[in-house]
N, C-alpha and C. Protein backbone atom coordinates (compact mmCIF):
# COMPACT_ATOMS: atom_id res chain seq x y z
N MET A 1 -0.05 26.95 24.50
CA MET A 1 -1.05 26.51 23.55
C MET A 1 -0.40 26.14 22.21
N LYS A 2 0.59 26.96 21.79
CA LYS A 2 1.27 26.67 20.53
C LYS A 2 1.97 25.31 20.60
N LYS A 3 2.57 25.02 21.75
CA LYS A 3 3.28 23.74 21.92
C LYS A 3 2.32 22.57 21.78
N ILE A 4 1.13 22.70 22.34
CA ILE A 4 0.13 21.62 22.25
C ILE A 4 -0.27 21.40 20.80
N ILE A 5 -0.50 22.47 20.08
CA ILE A 5 -0.89 22.36 18.67
C ILE A 5 0.23 21.71 17.87
N ILE A 6 1.46 22.11 18.11
CA ILE A 6 2.60 21.53 17.39
C ILE A 6 2.72 20.04 17.70
N VAL A 7 2.56 19.68 18.96
CA VAL A 7 2.63 18.26 19.35
C VAL A 7 1.52 17.48 18.66
N LEU A 8 0.30 18.01 18.67
CA LEU A 8 -0.82 17.33 18.02
C LEU A 8 -0.60 17.19 16.52
N LEU A 9 -0.11 18.24 15.89
CA LEU A 9 0.15 18.18 14.45
C LEU A 9 1.26 17.19 14.12
N THR A 10 2.12 16.91 15.05
CA THR A 10 3.18 15.92 14.85
C THR A 10 2.67 14.51 15.10
N ILE A 11 1.88 14.34 16.14
CA ILE A 11 1.42 13.01 16.54
C ILE A 11 0.33 12.46 15.63
N ILE A 12 -0.62 13.29 15.23
CA ILE A 12 -1.76 12.81 14.44
C ILE A 12 -1.31 12.11 13.15
N PRO A 13 -0.42 12.71 12.33
CA PRO A 13 0.03 11.99 11.13
C PRO A 13 0.73 10.67 11.46
N LEU A 14 1.47 10.62 12.56
CA LEU A 14 2.15 9.38 12.95
C LEU A 14 1.14 8.29 13.29
N ILE A 15 0.09 8.67 14.02
CA ILE A 15 -0.96 7.70 14.37
C ILE A 15 -1.66 7.22 13.11
N MET A 16 -1.99 8.15 12.22
CA MET A 16 -2.68 7.77 10.98
C MET A 16 -1.80 6.86 10.14
N ASN A 17 -0.52 7.16 10.05
CA ASN A 17 0.41 6.34 9.29
C ASN A 17 0.54 4.95 9.91
N SER A 18 0.54 4.88 11.23
CA SER A 18 0.60 3.60 11.93
C SER A 18 -0.63 2.76 11.63
N GLN A 19 -1.80 3.39 11.61
CA GLN A 19 -3.03 2.66 11.29
C GLN A 19 -2.99 2.14 9.87
N GLU A 20 -2.46 2.94 8.94
CA GLU A 20 -2.34 2.52 7.55
C GLU A 20 -1.51 1.25 7.43
N LYS A 21 -0.42 1.19 8.18
CA LYS A 21 0.48 0.04 8.09
C LYS A 21 -0.14 -1.23 8.65
N ASN A 22 -1.16 -1.09 9.49
CA ASN A 22 -1.82 -2.26 10.06
C ASN A 22 -2.89 -2.83 9.15
N LEU A 23 -3.20 -2.16 8.06
CA LEU A 23 -4.22 -2.65 7.14
C LEU A 23 -3.64 -3.75 6.25
N PRO A 24 -4.44 -4.76 5.94
CA PRO A 24 -3.95 -5.83 5.07
C PRO A 24 -3.84 -5.39 3.61
N PHE A 25 -3.07 -6.14 2.85
CA PHE A 25 -2.93 -6.02 1.40
C PHE A 25 -2.04 -4.88 0.93
N SER A 26 -1.18 -4.35 1.80
CA SER A 26 -0.24 -3.34 1.31
C SER A 26 0.74 -3.97 0.32
N GLU A 27 0.86 -5.28 0.40
CA GLU A 27 1.60 -6.04 -0.60
C GLU A 27 1.02 -7.45 -0.66
N ILE A 28 1.34 -8.14 -1.73
CA ILE A 28 0.88 -9.52 -1.89
C ILE A 28 2.03 -10.44 -1.48
N GLY A 29 1.72 -11.40 -0.65
CA GLY A 29 2.74 -12.34 -0.20
C GLY A 29 3.14 -13.32 -1.29
N ASP A 30 4.00 -14.25 -0.94
CA ASP A 30 4.44 -15.27 -1.88
C ASP A 30 3.25 -16.11 -2.34
N TYR A 31 3.33 -16.56 -3.57
CA TYR A 31 2.23 -17.37 -4.09
C TYR A 31 2.36 -18.81 -3.61
N PRO A 32 1.23 -19.52 -3.56
CA PRO A 32 1.26 -20.92 -3.11
C PRO A 32 2.03 -21.79 -4.11
N THR A 33 2.50 -22.91 -3.65
CA THR A 33 3.22 -23.83 -4.53
C THR A 33 2.27 -24.77 -5.26
N GLU A 34 1.05 -24.83 -4.79
CA GLU A 34 0.08 -25.77 -5.35
C GLU A 34 -1.09 -25.01 -5.97
N TYR A 35 -1.52 -25.47 -7.16
CA TYR A 35 -2.67 -24.88 -7.83
C TYR A 35 -3.92 -25.64 -7.41
N THR A 36 -4.68 -25.05 -6.52
CA THR A 36 -5.97 -25.62 -6.12
C THR A 36 -7.03 -24.55 -6.37
N PRO A 37 -8.28 -24.95 -6.48
CA PRO A 37 -9.33 -23.93 -6.69
C PRO A 37 -9.31 -22.83 -5.63
N THR A 38 -9.16 -23.21 -4.37
CA THR A 38 -9.18 -22.19 -3.31
C THR A 38 -7.92 -21.32 -3.34
N ASN A 39 -6.77 -21.89 -3.71
CA ASN A 39 -5.56 -21.08 -3.82
C ASN A 39 -5.68 -20.05 -4.95
N VAL A 40 -6.30 -20.46 -6.05
CA VAL A 40 -6.47 -19.55 -7.18
C VAL A 40 -7.40 -18.40 -6.79
N ILE A 41 -8.51 -18.71 -6.13
CA ILE A 41 -9.44 -17.67 -5.69
C ILE A 41 -8.77 -16.78 -4.64
N SER A 42 -8.00 -17.38 -3.76
CA SER A 42 -7.29 -16.61 -2.74
C SER A 42 -6.33 -15.61 -3.39
N ARG A 43 -5.66 -16.04 -4.45
CA ARG A 43 -4.73 -15.14 -5.15
C ARG A 43 -5.50 -14.02 -5.86
N LEU A 44 -6.68 -14.33 -6.36
CA LEU A 44 -7.53 -13.31 -6.97
C LEU A 44 -7.91 -12.26 -5.92
N ILE A 45 -8.25 -12.73 -4.72
CA ILE A 45 -8.58 -11.81 -3.61
C ILE A 45 -7.35 -10.99 -3.23
N ASP A 46 -6.16 -11.61 -3.25
CA ASP A 46 -4.92 -10.85 -3.01
C ASP A 46 -4.79 -9.70 -4.00
N GLY A 47 -5.01 -10.01 -5.27
CA GLY A 47 -4.91 -8.98 -6.31
C GLY A 47 -5.92 -7.87 -6.11
N LEU A 48 -7.15 -8.24 -5.77
CA LEU A 48 -8.19 -7.25 -5.49
C LEU A 48 -7.81 -6.41 -4.28
N GLY A 49 -7.39 -7.08 -3.20
CA GLY A 49 -7.02 -6.36 -1.99
C GLY A 49 -5.88 -5.39 -2.21
N TYR A 50 -4.85 -5.82 -2.94
CA TYR A 50 -3.70 -4.95 -3.23
C TYR A 50 -4.14 -3.75 -4.06
N ARG A 51 -4.95 -4.01 -5.09
CA ARG A 51 -5.44 -2.91 -5.93
C ARG A 51 -6.29 -1.94 -5.12
N PHE A 52 -7.16 -2.49 -4.27
CA PHE A 52 -8.02 -1.62 -3.46
C PHE A 52 -7.18 -0.81 -2.47
N TYR A 53 -6.24 -1.48 -1.82
CA TYR A 53 -5.38 -0.79 -0.84
C TYR A 53 -4.74 0.44 -1.48
N TRP A 54 -4.10 0.25 -2.63
CA TRP A 54 -3.34 1.34 -3.22
C TRP A 54 -4.20 2.32 -3.99
N SER A 55 -5.30 1.87 -4.58
CA SER A 55 -6.16 2.83 -5.29
C SER A 55 -6.83 3.79 -4.32
N THR A 56 -7.06 3.35 -3.08
CA THR A 56 -7.76 4.18 -2.10
C THR A 56 -6.82 4.81 -1.08
N GLU A 57 -5.53 4.60 -1.22
CA GLU A 57 -4.56 5.12 -0.25
C GLU A 57 -4.40 6.63 -0.42
N SER A 58 -4.44 7.36 0.71
CA SER A 58 -4.18 8.81 0.75
C SER A 58 -5.10 9.64 -0.14
N LEU A 59 -6.36 9.30 -0.17
CA LEU A 59 -7.30 10.12 -0.94
C LEU A 59 -7.68 11.35 -0.12
N THR A 60 -7.84 12.45 -0.80
CA THR A 60 -8.24 13.70 -0.16
C THR A 60 -9.75 13.90 -0.32
N GLU A 61 -10.27 14.88 0.36
CA GLU A 61 -11.70 15.22 0.22
C GLU A 61 -12.02 15.57 -1.23
N ASN A 62 -11.10 16.26 -1.88
CA ASN A 62 -11.26 16.60 -3.30
C ASN A 62 -11.35 15.34 -4.15
N ASP A 63 -10.49 14.36 -3.88
CA ASP A 63 -10.52 13.09 -4.62
C ASP A 63 -11.84 12.36 -4.39
N LEU A 64 -12.27 12.30 -3.14
CA LEU A 64 -13.49 11.56 -2.79
C LEU A 64 -14.73 12.17 -3.43
N ASN A 65 -14.75 13.47 -3.59
CA ASN A 65 -15.91 14.15 -4.18
C ASN A 65 -15.87 14.20 -5.70
N TYR A 66 -14.74 13.82 -6.29
CA TYR A 66 -14.58 13.93 -7.74
C TYR A 66 -15.57 13.03 -8.48
N LYS A 67 -16.20 13.61 -9.52
CA LYS A 67 -17.08 12.88 -10.43
C LYS A 67 -16.68 13.25 -11.85
N PRO A 68 -16.41 12.26 -12.70
CA PRO A 68 -16.00 12.60 -14.07
C PRO A 68 -17.11 13.27 -14.87
N SER A 69 -18.36 13.03 -14.50
CA SER A 69 -19.50 13.68 -15.15
C SER A 69 -20.63 13.78 -14.15
N GLU A 70 -21.59 14.61 -14.45
CA GLU A 70 -22.68 14.86 -13.50
C GLU A 70 -23.48 13.59 -13.19
N ASP A 71 -23.62 12.70 -14.16
CA ASP A 71 -24.45 11.50 -13.94
C ASP A 71 -23.64 10.27 -13.52
N SER A 72 -22.38 10.45 -13.17
CA SER A 72 -21.57 9.31 -12.73
C SER A 72 -21.42 9.33 -11.21
N ARG A 73 -20.87 8.25 -10.68
CA ARG A 73 -20.63 8.17 -9.24
C ARG A 73 -19.39 8.98 -8.87
N SER A 74 -19.42 9.54 -7.66
CA SER A 74 -18.20 10.15 -7.13
C SER A 74 -17.25 9.03 -6.72
N THR A 75 -16.01 9.37 -6.49
CA THR A 75 -15.05 8.36 -6.03
C THR A 75 -15.51 7.74 -4.72
N MET A 76 -16.06 8.55 -3.82
CA MET A 76 -16.57 8.02 -2.55
C MET A 76 -17.69 7.01 -2.80
N GLU A 77 -18.58 7.31 -3.73
CA GLU A 77 -19.67 6.38 -4.05
C GLU A 77 -19.14 5.08 -4.66
N VAL A 78 -18.08 5.17 -5.44
CA VAL A 78 -17.45 3.96 -6.00
C VAL A 78 -16.87 3.11 -4.87
N ILE A 79 -16.21 3.76 -3.92
CA ILE A 79 -15.63 3.03 -2.78
C ILE A 79 -16.74 2.38 -1.95
N GLU A 80 -17.85 3.09 -1.77
CA GLU A 80 -19.00 2.51 -1.06
C GLU A 80 -19.52 1.28 -1.80
N HIS A 81 -19.54 1.35 -3.13
CA HIS A 81 -19.99 0.20 -3.93
C HIS A 81 -19.04 -0.99 -3.77
N ILE A 82 -17.74 -0.73 -3.79
CA ILE A 82 -16.77 -1.82 -3.60
C ILE A 82 -16.96 -2.45 -2.22
N TYR A 83 -17.19 -1.63 -1.23
CA TYR A 83 -17.47 -2.13 0.12
C TYR A 83 -18.70 -3.05 0.09
N GLY A 84 -19.76 -2.63 -0.59
CA GLY A 84 -20.96 -3.46 -0.72
C GLY A 84 -20.66 -4.79 -1.40
N LEU A 85 -19.82 -4.76 -2.43
CA LEU A 85 -19.42 -6.00 -3.10
C LEU A 85 -18.67 -6.92 -2.14
N SER A 86 -17.81 -6.33 -1.31
CA SER A 86 -17.07 -7.15 -0.33
C SER A 86 -18.04 -7.78 0.67
N LEU A 87 -19.09 -7.04 1.04
CA LEU A 87 -20.10 -7.60 1.95
C LEU A 87 -20.86 -8.76 1.30
N MET A 88 -21.11 -8.65 0.00
CA MET A 88 -21.79 -9.73 -0.72
C MET A 88 -20.93 -11.00 -0.70
N ILE A 89 -19.65 -10.84 -0.92
CA ILE A 89 -18.73 -11.99 -0.91
C ILE A 89 -18.68 -12.61 0.48
N VAL A 90 -18.57 -11.77 1.51
CA VAL A 90 -18.55 -12.26 2.89
C VAL A 90 -19.83 -13.03 3.21
N ALA A 91 -20.98 -12.47 2.84
CA ALA A 91 -22.26 -13.14 3.12
C ALA A 91 -22.28 -14.54 2.51
N SER A 92 -21.76 -14.68 1.31
CA SER A 92 -21.73 -15.99 0.65
C SER A 92 -20.88 -16.98 1.42
N PHE A 93 -19.70 -16.54 1.85
CA PHE A 93 -18.82 -17.44 2.59
C PHE A 93 -19.36 -17.77 3.97
N ASP A 94 -20.23 -16.90 4.49
CA ASP A 94 -20.88 -17.18 5.77
C ASP A 94 -22.19 -17.96 5.60
N GLY A 95 -22.55 -18.27 4.34
CA GLY A 95 -23.78 -19.01 4.08
C GLY A 95 -25.04 -18.21 4.36
N LYS A 96 -24.95 -16.89 4.21
CA LYS A 96 -26.09 -16.01 4.51
C LYS A 96 -26.59 -15.32 3.25
N GLU A 97 -27.84 -14.89 3.32
CA GLU A 97 -28.39 -14.08 2.25
C GLU A 97 -27.81 -12.67 2.36
N PHE A 98 -27.43 -12.11 1.22
CA PHE A 98 -26.88 -10.76 1.20
C PHE A 98 -27.99 -9.74 1.39
N ASP A 99 -27.75 -8.78 2.26
CA ASP A 99 -28.68 -7.68 2.52
C ASP A 99 -28.10 -6.42 1.88
N PHE A 100 -28.83 -5.85 0.94
CA PHE A 100 -28.32 -4.69 0.22
C PHE A 100 -28.18 -3.44 1.09
N LYS A 101 -28.83 -3.43 2.25
CA LYS A 101 -28.68 -2.28 3.15
C LYS A 101 -27.29 -2.35 3.78
N GLN A 102 -26.63 -1.23 3.81
CA GLN A 102 -25.32 -1.21 4.45
C GLN A 102 -25.17 0.06 5.27
N ASP A 103 -24.36 -0.04 6.31
CA ASP A 103 -24.11 1.12 7.16
C ASP A 103 -23.38 2.20 6.38
N LYS A 104 -23.66 3.43 6.71
CA LYS A 104 -22.95 4.56 6.12
C LYS A 104 -21.66 4.75 6.91
N LEU A 105 -20.53 4.60 6.24
CA LEU A 105 -19.23 4.73 6.89
C LEU A 105 -18.45 5.87 6.26
N ASP A 106 -17.53 6.43 7.02
CA ASP A 106 -16.65 7.45 6.45
C ASP A 106 -15.55 6.75 5.65
N TYR A 107 -14.78 7.55 4.93
CA TYR A 107 -13.75 7.02 4.04
C TYR A 107 -12.79 6.06 4.74
N ALA A 108 -12.25 6.47 5.88
CA ALA A 108 -11.25 5.64 6.57
C ALA A 108 -11.85 4.30 6.99
N ASN A 109 -13.07 4.30 7.49
CA ASN A 109 -13.70 3.05 7.91
C ASN A 109 -14.15 2.20 6.74
N LEU A 110 -14.60 2.83 5.66
CA LEU A 110 -14.94 2.07 4.44
C LEU A 110 -13.71 1.31 3.95
N ARG A 111 -12.61 2.01 3.91
CA ARG A 111 -11.36 1.42 3.44
C ARG A 111 -10.93 0.27 4.34
N LYS A 112 -10.92 0.53 5.63
CA LYS A 112 -10.50 -0.49 6.60
C LYS A 112 -11.43 -1.71 6.55
N GLU A 113 -12.73 -1.48 6.57
CA GLU A 113 -13.69 -2.60 6.58
C GLU A 113 -13.64 -3.40 5.29
N THR A 114 -13.47 -2.73 4.16
CA THR A 114 -13.37 -3.45 2.89
C THR A 114 -12.14 -4.35 2.89
N LEU A 115 -11.01 -3.82 3.29
CA LEU A 115 -9.78 -4.63 3.34
C LEU A 115 -9.92 -5.77 4.35
N ASN A 116 -10.51 -5.51 5.49
CA ASN A 116 -10.72 -6.58 6.48
C ASN A 116 -11.70 -7.63 5.97
N ASN A 117 -12.72 -7.21 5.23
CA ASN A 117 -13.65 -8.18 4.63
C ASN A 117 -12.92 -9.10 3.67
N LEU A 118 -12.05 -8.53 2.85
CA LEU A 118 -11.30 -9.35 1.90
C LEU A 118 -10.35 -10.31 2.63
N MET A 119 -9.75 -9.86 3.70
CA MET A 119 -8.88 -10.74 4.50
C MET A 119 -9.71 -11.85 5.13
N TYR A 120 -10.91 -11.53 5.57
CA TYR A 120 -11.81 -12.53 6.14
C TYR A 120 -12.14 -13.61 5.10
N VAL A 121 -12.42 -13.18 3.88
CA VAL A 121 -12.71 -14.14 2.80
C VAL A 121 -11.50 -15.05 2.58
N LYS A 122 -10.29 -14.48 2.59
CA LYS A 122 -9.09 -15.32 2.45
C LYS A 122 -9.02 -16.37 3.55
N SER A 123 -9.35 -15.98 4.78
CA SER A 123 -9.31 -16.95 5.88
C SER A 123 -10.38 -18.02 5.70
N LYS A 124 -11.55 -17.63 5.20
CA LYS A 124 -12.62 -18.60 4.95
C LYS A 124 -12.22 -19.56 3.82
N LEU A 125 -11.48 -19.08 2.85
CA LEU A 125 -11.01 -19.95 1.77
C LEU A 125 -10.12 -21.06 2.31
N ASN A 126 -9.35 -20.78 3.35
CA ASN A 126 -8.50 -21.80 3.96
C ASN A 126 -9.33 -22.92 4.59
N GLU A 127 -10.57 -22.62 4.95
CA GLU A 127 -11.46 -23.61 5.57
C GLU A 127 -12.37 -24.29 4.55
N THR A 128 -12.30 -23.85 3.29
CA THR A 128 -13.24 -24.30 2.27
C THR A 128 -12.58 -25.35 1.38
N SER A 129 -13.25 -26.47 1.22
CA SER A 129 -12.71 -27.48 0.31
C SER A 129 -13.57 -27.62 -0.95
N ASP A 130 -14.81 -27.15 -0.89
CA ASP A 130 -15.72 -27.32 -2.02
C ASP A 130 -16.42 -26.01 -2.34
N LEU A 131 -15.92 -25.30 -3.35
CA LEU A 131 -16.49 -24.01 -3.71
C LEU A 131 -17.92 -24.12 -4.23
N SER A 132 -18.32 -25.31 -4.66
CA SER A 132 -19.69 -25.48 -5.16
C SER A 132 -20.72 -25.31 -4.04
N GLN A 133 -20.27 -25.33 -2.80
CA GLN A 133 -21.18 -25.15 -1.66
C GLN A 133 -21.37 -23.67 -1.30
N ILE A 134 -20.64 -22.81 -1.98
CA ILE A 134 -20.72 -21.36 -1.71
C ILE A 134 -21.61 -20.73 -2.77
N ASN A 135 -22.68 -20.10 -2.33
CA ASN A 135 -23.63 -19.49 -3.26
C ASN A 135 -23.83 -18.02 -2.94
N ILE A 136 -24.24 -17.28 -3.95
CA ILE A 136 -24.67 -15.89 -3.74
C ILE A 136 -26.18 -15.93 -3.62
N GLU A 137 -26.69 -15.42 -2.51
CA GLU A 137 -28.14 -15.39 -2.29
C GLU A 137 -28.56 -13.98 -1.91
N PHE A 138 -29.64 -13.51 -2.53
CA PHE A 138 -30.23 -12.23 -2.16
C PHE A 138 -31.67 -12.19 -2.64
N SER A 139 -32.40 -11.22 -2.17
CA SER A 139 -33.81 -11.06 -2.55
C SER A 139 -33.98 -9.79 -3.37
N GLN A 140 -34.84 -9.90 -4.38
CA GLN A 140 -35.28 -8.73 -5.14
C GLN A 140 -36.79 -8.74 -5.08
N GLY A 141 -37.33 -7.83 -4.30
CA GLY A 141 -38.77 -7.86 -4.07
C GLY A 141 -39.14 -9.14 -3.34
N ASP A 142 -40.09 -9.88 -3.90
CA ASP A 142 -40.52 -11.14 -3.31
C ASP A 142 -39.71 -12.33 -3.81
N ASN A 143 -38.82 -12.09 -4.75
CA ASN A 143 -38.03 -13.18 -5.34
C ASN A 143 -36.74 -13.40 -4.57
N LYS A 144 -36.53 -14.64 -4.12
CA LYS A 144 -35.25 -15.03 -3.52
C LYS A 144 -34.41 -15.63 -4.64
N LEU A 145 -33.24 -15.07 -4.84
CA LEU A 145 -32.36 -15.52 -5.92
C LEU A 145 -31.14 -16.21 -5.34
N LYS A 146 -30.70 -17.24 -6.05
CA LYS A 146 -29.53 -18.00 -5.61
C LYS A 146 -28.68 -18.31 -6.84
N PHE A 147 -27.39 -17.99 -6.74
CA PHE A 147 -26.47 -18.20 -7.85
C PHE A 147 -25.26 -19.00 -7.35
N PRO A 148 -24.67 -19.83 -8.22
CA PRO A 148 -23.50 -20.61 -7.81
C PRO A 148 -22.25 -19.74 -7.68
N PHE A 149 -21.23 -20.33 -7.09
CA PHE A 149 -19.97 -19.61 -6.87
C PHE A 149 -19.42 -18.99 -8.15
N TRP A 150 -19.63 -19.64 -9.28
CA TRP A 150 -19.12 -19.11 -10.55
C TRP A 150 -19.47 -17.64 -10.73
N ASN A 151 -20.66 -17.26 -10.28
CA ASN A 151 -21.09 -15.88 -10.46
C ASN A 151 -20.26 -14.89 -9.64
N HIS A 152 -19.53 -15.37 -8.63
CA HIS A 152 -18.62 -14.48 -7.91
C HIS A 152 -17.50 -14.01 -8.83
N LEU A 153 -17.03 -14.89 -9.69
CA LEU A 153 -15.89 -14.56 -10.54
C LEU A 153 -16.22 -13.44 -11.51
N ASN A 154 -17.35 -13.55 -12.22
CA ASN A 154 -17.71 -12.51 -13.16
C ASN A 154 -18.61 -11.45 -12.53
N GLY A 155 -19.04 -11.68 -11.29
CA GLY A 155 -19.89 -10.74 -10.57
C GLY A 155 -19.08 -9.88 -9.61
N PRO A 156 -19.29 -10.04 -8.29
CA PRO A 156 -18.69 -9.10 -7.34
C PRO A 156 -17.17 -9.04 -7.35
N MET A 157 -16.48 -10.16 -7.58
CA MET A 157 -15.02 -10.11 -7.56
C MET A 157 -14.48 -9.32 -8.75
N ALA A 158 -14.95 -9.65 -9.95
CA ALA A 158 -14.50 -8.92 -11.14
C ALA A 158 -14.96 -7.47 -11.10
N ASP A 159 -16.18 -7.25 -10.62
CA ASP A 159 -16.72 -5.90 -10.55
C ASP A 159 -15.88 -5.03 -9.61
N ALA A 160 -15.48 -5.59 -8.48
CA ALA A 160 -14.67 -4.84 -7.52
C ALA A 160 -13.31 -4.47 -8.12
N ILE A 161 -12.70 -5.40 -8.86
CA ILE A 161 -11.43 -5.10 -9.52
C ILE A 161 -11.63 -3.98 -10.54
N TRP A 162 -12.71 -4.08 -11.31
CA TRP A 162 -13.05 -3.06 -12.30
C TRP A 162 -13.14 -1.68 -11.64
N HIS A 163 -13.85 -1.62 -10.52
CA HIS A 163 -14.07 -0.34 -9.85
C HIS A 163 -12.80 0.20 -9.18
N CYS A 164 -11.86 -0.67 -8.80
CA CYS A 164 -10.57 -0.18 -8.31
C CYS A 164 -9.88 0.62 -9.42
N GLY A 165 -9.99 0.14 -10.65
CA GLY A 165 -9.45 0.88 -11.79
C GLY A 165 -10.14 2.22 -11.96
N GLN A 166 -11.44 2.24 -11.70
CA GLN A 166 -12.20 3.49 -11.78
C GLN A 166 -11.69 4.49 -10.73
N VAL A 167 -11.42 4.01 -9.53
CA VAL A 167 -10.88 4.89 -8.47
C VAL A 167 -9.52 5.45 -8.91
N VAL A 168 -8.68 4.60 -9.50
CA VAL A 168 -7.36 5.06 -9.97
C VAL A 168 -7.52 6.14 -11.04
N THR A 169 -8.44 5.93 -11.98
CA THR A 169 -8.68 6.91 -13.03
C THR A 169 -9.20 8.22 -12.44
N ASN A 170 -10.15 8.11 -11.52
CA ASN A 170 -10.71 9.31 -10.89
C ASN A 170 -9.65 10.09 -10.12
N ARG A 171 -8.82 9.38 -9.37
CA ARG A 171 -7.82 10.10 -8.56
C ARG A 171 -6.79 10.78 -9.46
N ARG A 172 -6.47 10.17 -10.59
CA ARG A 172 -5.55 10.81 -11.53
C ARG A 172 -6.19 12.09 -12.08
N ALA A 173 -7.47 12.00 -12.44
CA ALA A 173 -8.18 13.16 -12.98
C ALA A 173 -8.36 14.27 -11.95
N SER A 174 -8.43 13.90 -10.67
CA SER A 174 -8.59 14.92 -9.63
C SER A 174 -7.25 15.46 -9.13
N GLY A 175 -6.15 15.02 -9.76
CA GLY A 175 -4.84 15.58 -9.45
C GLY A 175 -4.03 14.84 -8.41
N ASN A 176 -4.43 13.62 -8.06
CA ASN A 176 -3.72 12.84 -7.04
C ASN A 176 -3.47 11.43 -7.58
N PRO A 177 -2.55 11.28 -8.52
CA PRO A 177 -2.36 9.97 -9.16
C PRO A 177 -1.88 8.89 -8.19
N LEU A 178 -2.10 7.65 -8.59
CA LEU A 178 -1.65 6.48 -7.84
C LEU A 178 -0.14 6.55 -7.62
N ASN A 179 0.30 6.10 -6.48
CA ASN A 179 1.73 6.01 -6.17
C ASN A 179 2.43 5.28 -7.32
N SER A 180 3.40 5.92 -7.93
CA SER A 180 4.08 5.35 -9.10
C SER A 180 4.95 4.14 -8.75
N LYS A 181 5.14 3.87 -7.47
CA LYS A 181 5.96 2.73 -7.06
C LYS A 181 5.15 1.44 -6.92
N VAL A 182 3.83 1.54 -7.09
CA VAL A 182 2.95 0.37 -7.00
C VAL A 182 3.14 -0.49 -8.24
N ASN A 183 3.33 -1.80 -8.04
CA ASN A 183 3.48 -2.74 -9.14
C ASN A 183 2.46 -3.86 -8.96
N VAL A 184 1.31 -3.75 -9.66
CA VAL A 184 0.25 -4.74 -9.47
C VAL A 184 0.64 -6.11 -10.03
N PHE A 185 1.56 -6.14 -10.99
CA PHE A 185 2.01 -7.42 -11.54
C PHE A 185 2.74 -8.24 -10.49
N LEU A 186 3.62 -7.59 -9.74
CA LEU A 186 4.38 -8.28 -8.69
C LEU A 186 3.67 -8.26 -7.34
N GLY A 187 2.73 -7.33 -7.17
CA GLY A 187 2.06 -7.20 -5.88
C GLY A 187 2.96 -6.61 -4.82
N LYS A 188 3.89 -5.81 -5.25
CA LYS A 188 4.86 -5.16 -4.36
C LYS A 188 4.92 -3.67 -4.70
N THR A 189 5.35 -2.89 -3.74
CA THR A 189 5.51 -1.46 -3.93
C THR A 189 6.96 -1.12 -3.64
N ARG A 190 7.61 -0.54 -4.63
CA ARG A 190 9.03 -0.18 -4.46
C ARG A 190 9.18 0.84 -3.35
N PRO A 191 10.28 0.77 -2.59
CA PRO A 191 10.52 1.77 -1.53
C PRO A 191 10.83 3.14 -2.12
């Protein structure tokens, strides 16, 4: 029985580490040689993805439950919000109305799905030639609202970047600071 437990304790971290390495945005690739609207937005998504990847990497239960004050969001609630913002961006690129209802996911799946959503948006940007055709649409009560792509920049994209910083601040306050080898300017993490 002891041997089985030892084997499991050895294998489980290896499997988890392997899954981590398969997630996108652990680093930002080379930048494009051409400045086009879609390349600029794609690079913005790279920056968001990299920040999200590292701000949410290796969080503990203590980190996820941390709240700087009683009336603020916990780190887990902030991550859920970032996930919702990624869903809003995806809905726009799919030409669909955003539905504020979202599935309840655990930390690992929230992280994975958010990163995959951002990668999906990058792939959709490769197919997009006219950003003016991408709108944010949602309903509030009986009102159907529609906003141009511009609102993505100061809305969900900027908001998600903002909240990645909030996760970094929260994790530092809960005793688990961001990996000091992360360099958001270069989009690389030192070995």
